[in-house]
Protein backbone atom coordinates (compact mmCIF):
# COMPACT_ATOMS: atom_id res chain seq x y z
CA UNK A 1 264.62 296.68 -23.83
CA UNK A 2 263.98 298.47 -20.75
CA UNK A 3 267.07 299.42 -18.83
CA UNK A 4 266.10 302.36 -16.44
CA UNK A 5 264.60 300.24 -13.22
CA UNK A 6 267.20 298.07 -12.28
CA UNK A 7 270.52 299.10 -10.47
CA UNK A 8 273.46 296.85 -10.23
CA UNK A 9 274.98 296.45 -6.76
CA UNK A 10 278.67 295.71 -5.90
CA UNK A 11 278.12 292.04 -5.56
CA UNK A 12 276.38 291.61 -8.72
CA UNK A 13 278.98 293.64 -10.57
CA UNK A 14 281.57 291.27 -9.03
CA UNK A 15 279.41 288.08 -10.04
CA UNK A 16 279.28 289.62 -13.65
CA UNK A 17 283.25 289.74 -13.65
CA UNK A 18 283.55 286.41 -12.12
CA UNK A 19 281.18 284.92 -14.90
CA UNK A 20 283.12 286.91 -17.57
CA UNK A 21 286.49 285.63 -16.48
CA UNK A 22 285.23 281.92 -16.52
CA UNK A 23 283.53 282.17 -19.55
CA UNK A 24 286.47 284.10 -21.29
CA UNK A 25 284.31 287.29 -22.26
CA UNK A 26 281.15 289.24 -21.31
CA UNK A 27 277.91 288.56 -23.35
CA UNK A 28 274.48 288.83 -22.83
CA UNK A 29 273.53 285.24 -22.73
CA UNK A 30 275.96 284.90 -20.11
CA UNK A 31 274.32 287.59 -17.91
CA UNK A 32 271.08 285.86 -18.73
CA UNK A 33 272.36 282.73 -16.91
CA UNK A 34 273.84 284.73 -14.08
CA UNK A 35 270.35 286.27 -13.30
CA UNK A 36 268.62 283.15 -13.77
CA UNK A 37 271.03 281.66 -11.16
CA UNK A 38 270.49 284.65 -8.77
CA UNK A 39 266.63 284.52 -8.80
CA UNK A 40 266.59 280.77 -8.27
CA UNK A 41 268.93 281.54 -4.84
CA UNK A 42 266.56 284.23 -4.00
CA UNK A 43 263.18 282.53 -4.38
CA UNK A 44 264.32 279.29 -3.19
CA UNK A 45 266.08 280.64 -0.31
CA UNK A 46 269.41 279.09 -1.44
CA UNK A 47 273.05 280.25 -0.84
CA UNK A 48 275.65 278.54 -3.12
CA UNK A 49 278.43 278.94 -0.61
CA UNK A 50 276.51 276.65 1.85
CA UNK A 51 276.29 274.06 -0.73
CA UNK A 52 272.63 273.18 0.45
CA UNK A 53 271.91 271.03 -2.68
CA UNK A 54 270.80 273.36 -5.13
CA UNK A 55 270.32 271.69 -8.52
CA UNK A 56 269.80 273.00 -12.03
CA UNK A 57 268.67 271.70 -15.37
CA UNK A 58 269.45 274.07 -18.02
CA UNK A 59 267.55 273.55 -21.48
CA UNK A 60 269.16 275.34 -24.30
CA UNK A 61 270.22 274.96 -27.93
CA UNK A 62 273.62 273.51 -27.65
CA UNK A 63 275.03 276.25 -29.85
CA UNK A 64 276.63 279.64 -28.95
CA UNK A 65 275.64 282.21 -28.21
CA UNK A 66 272.56 280.18 -26.47
CA UNK A 67 274.85 277.80 -24.52
CA UNK A 68 276.66 280.83 -22.93
CA UNK A 69 273.67 280.67 -20.45
CA UNK A 70 275.13 277.65 -18.67
CA UNK A 71 278.24 279.25 -17.73
CA UNK A 72 276.18 282.03 -15.94
CA UNK A 73 274.11 279.61 -14.36
CA UNK A 74 277.43 277.66 -13.03
CA UNK A 75 278.95 280.90 -11.67
CA UNK A 76 275.85 282.33 -9.96
CA UNK A 77 274.95 278.96 -8.16
CA UNK A 78 278.00 276.54 -8.27
CA UNK A 79 275.85 274.11 -9.77
CA UNK A 80 278.46 272.58 -11.94
CA UNK A 81 278.72 269.54 -14.54
CA UNK A 82 281.67 268.27 -12.53
CA UNK A 83 279.78 268.36 -9.13
CA UNK A 84 276.76 266.63 -10.61
CA UNK A 85 274.29 269.55 -9.53
CA UNK A 86 274.04 270.93 -13.26
CA UNK A 87 272.51 268.97 -15.94
CA UNK A 88 272.07 270.10 -19.71
CA UNK A 89 269.14 269.22 -21.94
CA UNK A 90 269.05 270.16 -25.70
CA UNK A 91 266.32 272.53 -26.48
CA UNK A 92 265.64 273.80 -29.94
CA UNK A 93 263.10 276.49 -29.06
CA UNK A 94 262.97 277.90 -25.54
CA UNK A 95 265.98 278.78 -23.05
CA UNK A 96 264.81 277.59 -19.72
CA UNK A 97 266.44 276.76 -16.47
CA UNK A 98 264.58 274.21 -13.86
CA UNK A 99 265.97 274.69 -10.23
CA UNK A 100 265.42 272.67 -7.22
CA UNK A 101 266.73 272.05 -3.75
CA UNK A 102 267.91 268.29 -3.16
CA UNK A 103 265.41 266.57 -0.77
CA UNK A 104 262.83 269.25 -0.85
CA UNK A 105 259.71 270.17 -2.69
CA UNK A 106 261.23 273.80 -3.75
CA UNK A 107 261.38 274.01 -7.51
CA UNK A 108 261.55 276.96 -9.94
CA UNK A 109 261.18 277.18 -13.62
CA UNK A 110 262.69 280.36 -15.18
CA UNK A 111 262.24 280.81 -19.19
CA UNK A 112 263.73 283.49 -21.00
CA UNK A 113 261.17 285.81 -22.94
CA UNK A 114 261.67 284.67 -26.66
CA UNK A 115 261.30 288.25 -27.74
CA UNK A 116 264.20 289.20 -25.86
CA UNK A 117 266.15 286.26 -27.71
CA UNK A 118 264.69 287.45 -30.99
CA UNK A 119 265.96 291.39 -30.28
CA UNK A 120 269.18 290.15 -28.89
CA UNK A 121 269.86 288.17 -32.14
CA UNK A 122 268.56 291.05 -34.19
CA UNK A 123 271.15 293.33 -32.53
CA UNK A 124 273.77 290.93 -33.04
CA UNK A 125 273.32 291.12 -36.74
CA UNK A 126 273.09 294.77 -36.46
CA UNK A 127 276.79 294.81 -35.22
CA UNK A 128 276.04 295.67 -31.45
CA UNK A 129 278.70 294.30 -29.39
CA UNK A 130 278.52 291.58 -26.90
CA UNK A 131 279.48 293.89 -24.11
CA UNK A 132 276.94 296.48 -24.93
CA UNK A 133 274.13 293.76 -25.05
CA UNK A 134 275.40 292.01 -21.85
CA UNK A 135 274.88 295.50 -19.93
CA UNK A 136 271.57 295.76 -21.63
CA UNK A 137 270.63 292.45 -20.06
CA UNK A 138 272.09 293.18 -16.79
CA UNK A 139 269.95 296.33 -16.38
CA UNK A 140 266.51 294.79 -17.72
CA UNK A 141 263.92 294.01 -15.31
CA UNK A 142 263.84 290.64 -14.62
CA UNK A 143 259.82 290.59 -15.44
CA UNK A 144 260.84 291.82 -18.82
CA UNK A 145 263.56 288.94 -19.36
CA UNK A 146 261.71 286.04 -17.76
CA UNK A 147 258.81 283.97 -16.88
CA UNK A 148 259.09 282.54 -13.51
CA UNK A 149 256.91 279.74 -12.44
CA UNK A 150 256.89 277.58 -9.27
CA UNK A 151 255.67 274.33 -10.98
């Protein structure tokens, strides 16, 4: 994984801390979810604090570590199951999130690069810590991590 071109700003670092507090620990799939949510907010010009109707559908295997993406999306976007702006769908293959702004045609699909998932799983099996992998993901360029589409 490339880790040299992305800088972590103070706001992103605070968001990572907030996500880890919600989730209970820091891990790479949590950071993937945070990054997906941040990308969606940026591209869709959405601000979670304004509660402008951003909605998300996360498609993931419903097993750890993959489902950890859900908590990252919740933290970054404030789309939650409780406020009914986050839907969860089971996917056996890909990790994808579909974001939309309510009452508009703004839609964004973000898919995690399957090679990244395979690399993470290999590094897990080799004993690399969750925290080390999380920081690798935090510093990996988004075009390496994701395919971003406006369907």
